[in-house]
């Protein structure tokens, strides 16, 4: 097991399959194992295996060790393995503290009794909004999560490419589609697109659904309360089908990193991504050329009100033998200083603490913060807003099937609805 200072990045196929393992999925080989041995050191399970966040977290934990005179030992595992094995990891011998996600993903493990209640810490937290507290609260009303940063999803592009061709930022879906056609004529793939890991394309579906049918319908659909054969849902897939000719071909065999690189290489014109995705693939020299715009309006009744902005943070394992020491670390991670230390090294996320300084923010971070602060509703992402087994066992395959064969929308939605009924009936 590799051990080092940590980092971040959310690979969803894993989080999907891993959480699904506790909901009826076939168990995978145990690749994720906690660091063993008695010690006063607080052990952290990290999914931060990419270079940028890994170094950033190393600085954070080093600062904590210096401040507290207490040790921290980081158990870093690559993204996919971490998420794929998270369920068995928590039921085995987990590290004291581990990195994970807010909302549904946190509640799933809280309901299984695998997380320690940290409501006592929240009594002294004063820099988090009510919305952040809600995303950190289990269905039993107790708090289990310390939020650390968030990052919005939007449509990313290179300013120089838009300037070179005279492209204008689209505000409506019709303008968006017209721009894609124009890019196609100019020899560009309008949309950089890679769905090999199964989750990246979910962001496009989420935005299409929220823009066409509104946030409330989207969340209700993710909760299993709406039918996937509803004409509203079929319309979402139909809107997406109209854009498919302008997406990179062979998306199911391309990683999100490769898609982001094609945007950096000016082979593609746009990409629906979260802030860290293109941010980590652009060189420092090109970073100032990266920009984004909100996903365009489809129905004026909903405008661009909703923003997809997942929240990441830390959880305390129920099985931890170092609860007191772990809570001391969590207290530190909930401070503005801890977030500031991280963001000085990773410019691809935004702090959640209201008192965290934004002085080190680059242009994109400032724009991202404005986008989220101005949102009327905030979603977490499909694989965080629905059941993990439904996301992993049904939606990954369904969306990849749609990418390969976008014309059979009736058959696709009928199949999704049938499986949804079975899965949600089991809850």
Protein backbone atom coordinates (compact mmCIF):
# COMPACT_ATOMS: atom_id res chain seq x y z
CA UNK A 1 0.00 0.00 0.00
CA UNK A 2 1.54 3.28 -1.07
CA UNK A 3 1.94 5.72 1.77
CA UNK A 4 2.53 9.38 1.26
CA UNK A 5 1.01 12.75 1.80
CA UNK A 6 -2.32 12.99 0.10
CA UNK A 7 -4.22 14.66 -2.65
CA UNK A 8 -7.65 14.67 -4.22
CA UNK A 9 -9.85 13.87 -7.15
CA UNK A 10 -13.07 12.18 -7.44
CA UNK A 11 -13.20 9.18 -9.62
CA UNK A 12 -16.77 8.20 -9.74
CA UNK A 13 -16.89 4.80 -11.36
CA UNK A 14 -15.22 3.77 -8.15
CA UNK A 15 -17.34 5.63 -5.73
CA UNK A 16 -20.24 4.13 -7.59
CA UNK A 17 -19.10 0.56 -7.64
CA UNK A 18 -17.63 0.82 -4.15
CA UNK A 19 -20.76 2.07 -2.45
CA UNK A 20 -22.83 -0.26 -4.57
CA UNK A 21 -20.89 -3.19 -3.16
CA UNK A 22 -22.83 -2.66 0.04
CA UNK A 23 -26.09 -2.56 -1.87
CA UNK A 24 -25.99 -5.84 -3.70
CA UNK A 25 -23.11 -5.46 -6.12
CA UNK A 26 -20.50 -8.18 -6.53
CA UNK A 27 -17.66 -7.64 -4.08
CA UNK A 28 -14.37 -6.67 -5.65
CA UNK A 29 -10.90 -7.76 -4.53
CA UNK A 30 -9.73 -5.80 -1.54
CA UNK A 31 -7.18 -3.37 -2.90
CA UNK A 32 -7.77 -0.74 -0.24
CA UNK A 33 -6.32 -1.62 3.15
CA UNK A 34 -5.76 0.67 6.08
CA UNK A 35 -2.28 1.29 7.40
CA UNK A 36 -1.88 -1.07 10.34
CA UNK A 37 -0.02 -1.10 13.62
CA UNK A 38 -0.60 0.71 16.93
CA UNK A 39 0.37 4.35 16.88
CA UNK A 40 -0.63 7.71 18.26
CA UNK A 41 -0.50 9.04 14.72
CA UNK A 42 -3.81 9.83 13.08
CA UNK A 43 -4.08 7.75 9.92
CA UNK A 44 -5.79 9.24 6.87
CA UNK A 45 -7.24 7.31 3.95
CA UNK A 46 -6.64 9.42 0.84
CA UNK A 47 -8.00 9.16 -2.69
CA UNK A 48 -5.84 12.13 -3.69
CA UNK A 49 -3.40 10.40 -5.99
CA UNK A 50 -3.00 13.06 -8.68
CA UNK A 51 0.17 15.14 -8.44
CA UNK A 52 -1.31 18.59 -7.78
CA UNK A 53 -3.72 17.78 -4.93
CA UNK A 54 -1.30 15.24 -3.48
CA UNK A 55 1.35 17.91 -2.94
CA UNK A 56 -1.27 20.35 -1.69
CA UNK A 57 -2.52 17.98 1.00
CA UNK A 58 1.06 17.19 1.97
CA UNK A 59 1.49 20.88 2.85
CA UNK A 60 -1.74 20.88 4.86
CA UNK A 61 -0.82 17.86 6.97
CA UNK A 62 2.73 19.14 7.47
CA UNK A 63 1.28 22.41 8.78
CA UNK A 64 -0.98 20.51 11.18
CA UNK A 65 1.91 18.43 12.50
CA UNK A 66 3.93 21.58 13.13
CA UNK A 67 1.04 23.37 14.81
CA UNK A 68 -0.14 20.49 16.98
CA UNK A 69 3.06 18.52 17.48
CA UNK A 70 1.03 15.42 16.56
CA UNK A 71 1.71 12.93 13.81
CA UNK A 72 -0.28 12.25 10.64
CA UNK A 73 0.21 9.20 8.45
CA UNK A 74 -1.40 9.22 5.01
CA UNK A 75 -2.51 6.09 3.20
CA UNK A 76 -2.79 7.23 -0.42
CA UNK A 77 -4.59 4.99 -2.92
CA UNK A 78 -5.32 5.72 -6.57
CA UNK A 79 -8.79 7.13 -7.20
CA UNK A 80 -10.39 4.13 -8.81
CA UNK A 81 -9.16 1.59 -6.27
CA UNK A 82 -10.17 3.81 -3.36
CA UNK A 83 -13.75 4.23 -4.48
CA UNK A 84 -14.13 0.68 -5.77
CA UNK A 85 -13.18 -0.76 -2.39
CA UNK A 86 -14.55 1.87 -0.03
CA UNK A 87 -17.38 -0.26 1.32
CA UNK A 88 -15.17 -3.22 2.26
CA UNK A 89 -12.51 -0.84 3.54
CA UNK A 90 -14.90 0.77 6.02
CA UNK A 91 -16.22 -2.59 7.17
CA UNK A 92 -12.68 -3.91 7.63
CA UNK A 93 -9.92 -1.97 9.40
CA UNK A 94 -10.24 1.57 8.07
CA UNK A 95 -7.97 4.51 8.71
CA UNK A 96 -9.11 7.01 11.33
CA UNK A 97 -10.08 9.76 8.91
CA UNK A 98 -10.79 9.41 5.20
CA UNK A 99 -11.60 11.63 2.24
CA UNK A 100 -15.06 11.37 0.74
CA UNK A 101 -18.09 13.29 -0.47
CA UNK A 102 -20.98 15.27 0.99
CA UNK A 103 -24.69 14.60 0.73
CA UNK A 104 -26.06 11.23 -0.35
CA UNK A 105 -22.62 9.61 -0.51
CA UNK A 106 -21.99 10.46 3.13
CA UNK A 107 -25.50 9.53 4.25
CA UNK A 108 -25.17 6.10 2.67
CA UNK A 109 -22.36 5.11 5.04
CA UNK A 110 -23.86 6.93 8.04
CA UNK A 111 -26.99 4.79 7.71
CA UNK A 112 -24.82 1.68 7.81
CA UNK A 113 -23.27 2.78 11.10
CA UNK A 114 -19.79 3.07 9.59
CA UNK A 115 -19.21 6.75 10.44
CA UNK A 116 -18.59 8.48 13.76
CA UNK A 117 -20.98 11.24 14.81
CA UNK A 118 -19.13 14.58 14.91
CA UNK A 119 -22.10 16.76 15.88
CA UNK A 120 -20.10 17.94 18.92
CA UNK A 121 -17.51 19.47 16.58
CA UNK A 122 -20.20 21.20 14.57
CA UNK A 123 -21.41 23.00 17.70
CA UNK A 124 -18.20 25.05 17.49
CA UNK A 125 -18.01 25.42 13.70
CA UNK A 126 -18.97 28.94 12.65
CA UNK A 127 -17.69 29.35 9.11
CA UNK A 128 -20.03 27.06 7.21
CA UNK A 129 -23.38 28.01 5.69
CA UNK A 130 -26.66 26.30 6.48
CA UNK A 131 -26.51 24.64 3.07
CA UNK A 132 -23.08 23.16 3.88
CA UNK A 133 -24.35 21.88 7.21
CA UNK A 134 -27.29 20.24 5.47
CA UNK A 135 -24.93 18.49 3.07
CA UNK A 136 -22.91 17.28 6.08
CA UNK A 137 -25.91 15.91 7.98
CA UNK A 138 -27.14 12.33 7.98
CA UNK A 139 -30.78 11.33 7.72
CA UNK A 140 -30.77 10.98 11.51
CA UNK A 141 -30.07 14.70 11.89
CA UNK A 142 -26.49 14.21 13.10
CA UNK A 143 -23.37 15.62 11.45
CA UNK A 144 -20.74 13.28 10.02
CA UNK A 145 -18.83 15.35 7.47
CA UNK A 146 -16.30 18.21 7.48
CA UNK A 147 -16.59 20.08 4.15
CA UNK A 148 -13.30 21.21 2.66
CA UNK A 149 -13.79 22.56 -0.85
CA UNK A 150 -16.13 22.51 -3.81
CA UNK A 151 -15.82 22.93 -7.54
CA UNK A 152 -18.52 23.86 -10.05
CA UNK A 153 -19.23 22.17 -13.37
CA UNK A 154 -19.55 24.40 -16.42
CA UNK A 155 -18.62 24.57 -20.11
CA UNK A 156 -14.86 25.12 -20.46
CA UNK A 157 -13.03 26.57 -23.46
CA UNK A 158 -9.82 28.30 -24.52
CA UNK A 159 -10.14 32.06 -24.89
CA UNK A 160 -7.61 32.13 -27.73
CA UNK A 161 -9.64 29.63 -29.76
CA UNK A 162 -12.79 31.72 -29.37
CA UNK A 163 -10.88 34.88 -30.28
CA UNK A 164 -9.24 33.24 -33.30
CA UNK A 165 -12.56 32.17 -34.79
CA UNK A 166 -14.72 35.01 -33.51
CA UNK A 167 -16.92 32.73 -31.41
CA UNK A 168 -19.31 34.28 -28.89
CA UNK A 169 -20.40 32.82 -25.56
CA UNK A 170 -23.80 31.13 -26.04
CA UNK A 171 -26.54 32.05 -23.61
CA UNK A 172 -29.27 29.77 -24.96
CA UNK A 173 -29.31 26.17 -26.10
CA UNK A 174 -30.06 27.19 -29.68
CA UNK A 175 -26.94 29.39 -29.66
CA UNK A 176 -24.99 26.53 -28.08
CA UNK A 177 -26.00 24.12 -30.84
CA UNK A 178 -25.31 26.70 -33.53
CA UNK A 179 -21.84 27.28 -32.10
CA UNK A 180 -21.18 23.53 -32.14
CA UNK A 181 -22.13 23.37 -35.83
CA UNK A 182 -19.84 26.27 -36.59
CA UNK A 183 -16.93 24.65 -34.75
CA UNK A 184 -17.54 21.46 -36.71
CA UNK A 185 -17.25 23.39 -39.98
CA UNK A 186 -14.03 24.95 -38.70
CA UNK A 187 -12.51 21.51 -38.25
CA UNK A 188 -12.82 21.27 -34.46
CA UNK A 189 -14.52 18.67 -32.32
CA UNK A 190 -17.05 21.00 -30.75
CA UNK A 191 -17.16 18.98 -27.52
CA UNK A 192 -14.17 17.23 -25.99
CA UNK A 193 -15.74 14.05 -24.66
CA UNK A 194 -14.46 11.02 -22.75
CA UNK A 195 -16.63 8.59 -20.79
CA UNK A 196 -14.37 5.57 -20.36
CA UNK A 197 -14.70 5.82 -16.57
CA UNK A 198 -18.49 5.93 -16.83
CA UNK A 199 -19.18 9.11 -14.86
CA UNK A 200 -18.01 12.18 -16.87
CA UNK A 201 -21.04 12.21 -19.21
CA UNK A 202 -23.38 12.33 -16.22
CA UNK A 203 -22.58 16.03 -15.86
CA UNK A 204 -24.01 16.75 -19.31
CA UNK A 205 -27.21 14.84 -18.52
CA UNK A 206 -27.61 16.68 -15.22
CA UNK A 207 -27.35 20.09 -16.81
CA UNK A 208 -29.65 19.21 -19.71
CA UNK A 209 -32.25 17.94 -17.26
CA UNK A 210 -31.99 20.87 -14.85
CA UNK A 211 -32.13 23.39 -17.69
CA UNK A 212 -35.06 21.70 -19.46
CA UNK A 213 -37.08 20.49 -16.46
CA UNK A 214 -35.78 22.39 -13.45
CA UNK A 215 -33.83 21.47 -10.34
CA UNK A 216 -36.78 20.07 -8.40
CA UNK A 217 -37.69 17.61 -11.15
CA UNK A 218 -34.05 16.58 -11.49
CA UNK A 219 -33.65 15.81 -7.79
CA UNK A 220 -37.00 14.02 -7.77
CA UNK A 221 -35.87 11.91 -10.74
CA UNK A 222 -32.60 11.08 -8.98
CA UNK A 223 -34.61 10.08 -5.89
CA UNK A 224 -36.61 7.53 -7.88
CA UNK A 225 -39.84 9.50 -7.62
CA UNK A 226 -40.23 10.26 -11.34
CA UNK A 227 -40.52 7.91 -14.29
CA UNK A 228 -37.65 7.69 -16.76
CA UNK A 229 -40.26 7.12 -19.49
CA UNK A 230 -41.75 10.55 -18.77
CA UNK A 231 -41.74 12.69 -21.96
CA UNK A 232 -39.69 15.25 -20.01
CA UNK A 233 -36.85 12.75 -19.63
CA UNK A 234 -37.11 11.56 -23.22
CA UNK A 235 -36.81 15.20 -24.29
CA UNK A 236 -33.53 15.48 -22.36
CA UNK A 237 -32.05 12.57 -24.29
CA UNK A 238 -33.44 14.00 -27.53
CA UNK A 239 -31.76 17.36 -26.88
CA UNK A 240 -28.51 15.52 -26.19
CA UNK A 241 -28.91 13.40 -29.32
CA UNK A 242 -29.04 16.60 -31.36
CA UNK A 243 -25.59 17.50 -30.03
CA UNK A 244 -24.02 14.06 -30.44
CA UNK A 245 -22.70 14.64 -33.99
CA UNK A 246 -20.48 17.39 -32.55
CA UNK A 247 -18.97 15.30 -29.72
CA UNK A 248 -15.64 13.53 -30.06
CA UNK A 249 -16.19 10.07 -31.52
CA UNK A 250 -15.25 7.00 -29.50
CA UNK A 251 -16.01 8.62 -26.14
CA UNK A 252 -16.48 5.31 -24.33
CA UNK A 253 -12.85 4.47 -25.02
CA UNK A 254 -11.43 7.86 -23.99
CA UNK A 255 -10.58 8.99 -20.45
CA UNK A 256 -11.59 12.40 -19.14
CA UNK A 257 -7.89 13.28 -18.95
CA UNK A 258 -7.49 12.62 -22.69
CA UNK A 259 -10.59 14.68 -23.43
CA UNK A 260 -9.26 17.58 -21.35
CA UNK A 261 -5.92 17.33 -23.13
CA UNK A 262 -7.63 17.68 -26.51
CA UNK A 263 -9.13 20.94 -25.25
CA UNK A 264 -5.67 22.08 -24.14
CA UNK A 265 -4.24 21.11 -27.55
CA UNK A 266 -6.91 23.20 -29.34
CA UNK A 267 -8.34 20.14 -31.06
CA UNK A 268 -11.69 20.67 -29.35
CA UNK A 269 -13.69 23.81 -28.78
CA UNK A 270 -15.61 23.14 -25.55
CA UNK A 271 -15.99 20.59 -22.74
CA UNK A 272 -18.53 20.07 -19.95
CA UNK A 273 -16.31 19.50 -16.93
CA UNK A 274 -15.75 20.23 -13.27
CA UNK A 275 -13.17 22.93 -12.53
CA UNK A 276 -10.31 20.53 -11.56
CA UNK A 277 -10.55 18.44 -14.73
CA UNK A 278 -9.19 20.87 -17.32
CA UNK A 279 -7.34 22.73 -14.58
CA UNK A 280 -5.11 19.74 -13.90
CA UNK A 281 -4.47 19.05 -17.60
CA UNK A 282 -3.50 22.58 -18.67
CA UNK A 283 0.12 23.63 -18.26
CA UNK A 284 0.93 26.64 -16.11
CA UNK A 285 1.78 28.59 -19.26
CA UNK A 286 -1.68 27.93 -20.74
CA UNK A 287 -3.76 28.22 -17.58
CA UNK A 288 -4.60 31.89 -18.17
CA UNK A 289 -6.14 30.90 -21.51
CA UNK A 290 -8.68 28.59 -19.85
CA UNK A 291 -12.16 29.96 -19.19
CA UNK A 292 -15.74 28.75 -18.75
CA UNK A 293 -19.34 29.82 -19.11
CA UNK A 294 -22.50 28.52 -17.38
CA UNK A 295 -24.36 25.75 -19.17
CA UNK A 296 -26.82 27.57 -21.48
CA UNK A 297 -30.51 28.14 -20.82
CA UNK A 298 -33.04 25.76 -22.36
CA UNK A 299 -36.32 26.84 -20.72
CA UNK A 300 -36.59 30.45 -19.53
CA UNK A 301 -38.68 29.25 -16.57
CA UNK A 302 -35.50 27.73 -15.12
CA UNK A 303 -32.85 29.84 -16.83
CA UNK A 304 -29.38 29.07 -15.49
CA UNK A 305 -30.54 28.94 -11.88
CA UNK A 306 -29.03 25.57 -10.94
CA UNK A 307 -25.31 24.90 -10.69
CA UNK A 308 -23.63 21.53 -10.27
CA UNK A 309 -21.04 21.99 -7.50
CA UNK A 310 -19.88 18.83 -5.67
CA UNK A 311 -18.47 19.23 -2.14
CA UNK A 312 -15.53 17.16 -0.90
CA UNK A 313 -14.24 16.74 2.62
CA UNK A 314 -13.42 14.38 5.49
CA UNK A 315 -15.18 11.72 7.55
CA UNK A 316 -14.27 9.93 10.79
CA UNK A 317 -14.42 6.13 10.76
CA UNK A 318 -16.66 4.64 13.45
CA UNK A 319 -14.02 1.94 14.02
CA UNK A 320 -11.21 4.43 14.70
CA UNK A 321 -9.34 3.74 17.95
CA UNK A 322 -8.06 7.33 17.95
CA UNK A 323 -11.34 9.26 18.04
CA UNK A 324 -9.98 12.08 20.20
CA UNK A 325 -6.86 12.60 18.08
CA UNK A 326 -8.85 12.30 14.86
CA UNK A 327 -11.34 14.92 16.00
CA UNK A 328 -8.47 17.31 16.75
CA UNK A 329 -7.32 16.91 13.16
CA UNK A 330 -10.87 17.46 11.87
CA UNK A 331 -11.10 20.66 13.91
CA UNK A 332 -8.01 21.94 12.13
CA UNK A 333 -9.29 20.90 8.70
CA UNK A 334 -12.43 22.94 9.38
CA UNK A 335 -10.44 26.17 9.76
CA UNK A 336 -9.83 28.87 7.14
CA UNK A 337 -6.07 28.39 7.56
CA UNK A 338 -6.28 24.72 6.55
CA UNK A 339 -8.25 25.53 3.40
CA UNK A 340 -5.97 28.42 2.51
CA UNK A 341 -2.90 26.22 2.85
CA UNK A 342 -4.39 23.69 0.43
CA UNK A 343 -5.62 26.18 -2.16
CA UNK A 344 -2.24 27.87 -2.37
CA UNK A 345 -1.02 24.64 -3.99
CA UNK A 346 -4.16 23.55 -5.83
CA UNK A 347 -5.82 26.37 -7.78
CA UNK A 348 -8.57 24.08 -9.10
CA UNK A 349 -11.05 24.22 -6.22
CA UNK A 350 -12.83 26.80 -4.07
CA UNK A 351 -12.86 27.08 -0.27
CA UNK A 352 -16.10 26.42 1.62
CA UNK A 353 -15.27 28.35 4.81
CA UNK A 354 -16.72 31.84 4.63
CA UNK A 355 -13.64 33.35 6.30
CA UNK A 356 -11.08 31.68 4.06
CA UNK A 357 -9.01 34.25 2.21
CA UNK A 358 -9.50 34.51 -1.54
CA UNK A 359 -6.36 36.60 -2.04
CA UNK A 360 -4.52 33.71 -3.67
CA UNK A 361 -7.40 32.88 -6.03
CA UNK A 362 -6.74 33.00 -9.74
CA UNK A 363 -9.27 34.37 -12.18
CA UNK A 364 -11.02 31.03 -12.65
CA UNK A 365 -11.38 30.42 -8.93
CA UNK A 366 -12.92 33.85 -8.42
CA UNK A 367 -15.29 33.26 -11.31
CA UNK A 368 -16.19 29.81 -9.94
CA UNK A 369 -16.98 31.27 -6.51
CA UNK A 370 -19.22 33.89 -8.12
CA UNK A 371 -21.02 31.25 -10.19
CA UNK A 372 -21.88 29.16 -7.14
CA UNK A 373 -22.73 32.07 -4.84
CA UNK A 374 -25.18 33.34 -7.44
CA UNK A 375 -26.91 29.98 -7.93
CA UNK A 376 -30.48 29.50 -6.74
CA UNK A 377 -29.99 25.73 -6.45
CA UNK A 378 -26.89 23.55 -6.16
CA UNK A 379 -26.76 19.91 -7.21
CA UNK A 380 -24.00 17.47 -6.24
CA UNK A 381 -23.71 15.36 -9.45
CA UNK A 382 -25.76 12.37 -10.59
CA UNK A 383 -23.70 9.73 -8.80
CA UNK A 384 -23.97 11.74 -5.57
CA UNK A 385 -27.65 12.69 -5.85
CA UNK A 386 -28.99 9.19 -6.41
CA UNK A 387 -28.53 5.72 -4.95
CA UNK A 388 -25.00 4.39 -5.56
CA UNK A 389 -26.28 1.06 -6.87
CA UNK A 390 -28.62 2.77 -9.33
CA UNK A 391 -25.82 5.03 -10.55
CA UNK A 392 -23.30 2.21 -10.91
CA UNK A 393 -25.43 -0.68 -12.05
CA UNK A 394 -27.84 1.21 -14.30
CA UNK A 395 -26.83 4.73 -15.29
CA UNK A 396 -23.18 4.16 -16.23
CA UNK A 397 -24.18 1.46 -18.68
CA UNK A 398 -27.29 3.32 -19.88
CA UNK A 399 -25.43 6.52 -20.74
CA UNK A 400 -22.60 4.63 -22.44
CA UNK A 401 -25.23 2.73 -24.40
CA UNK A 402 -26.83 6.03 -25.40
CA UNK A 403 -23.47 7.37 -26.56
CA UNK A 404 -23.05 4.34 -28.83
CA UNK A 405 -26.66 4.24 -29.98
CA UNK A 406 -28.45 7.57 -29.41
CA UNK A 407 -31.49 6.84 -31.57
CA UNK A 408 -33.33 4.31 -29.38
CA UNK A 409 -34.49 6.69 -26.66
CA UNK A 410 -37.77 4.85 -26.05
CA UNK A 411 -36.01 1.53 -25.49
CA UNK A 412 -33.31 3.15 -23.36
CA UNK A 413 -35.68 4.98 -21.01
CA UNK A 414 -37.96 1.95 -20.70
CA UNK A 415 -35.00 -0.19 -19.66
CA UNK A 416 -33.78 2.42 -17.13
CA UNK A 417 -37.25 2.72 -15.61
CA UNK A 418 -37.62 -1.05 -15.26
CA UNK A 419 -34.32 -1.36 -13.42
CA UNK A 420 -35.03 1.71 -11.32
CA UNK A 421 -38.25 0.19 -10.01
CA UNK A 422 -36.44 -2.95 -8.94
CA UNK A 423 -33.58 -1.11 -7.22
CA UNK A 424 -35.62 1.54 -5.43
CA UNK A 425 -38.22 -1.01 -4.34
CA UNK A 426 -35.45 -2.78 -2.44
CA UNK A 427 -34.76 0.22 -0.23
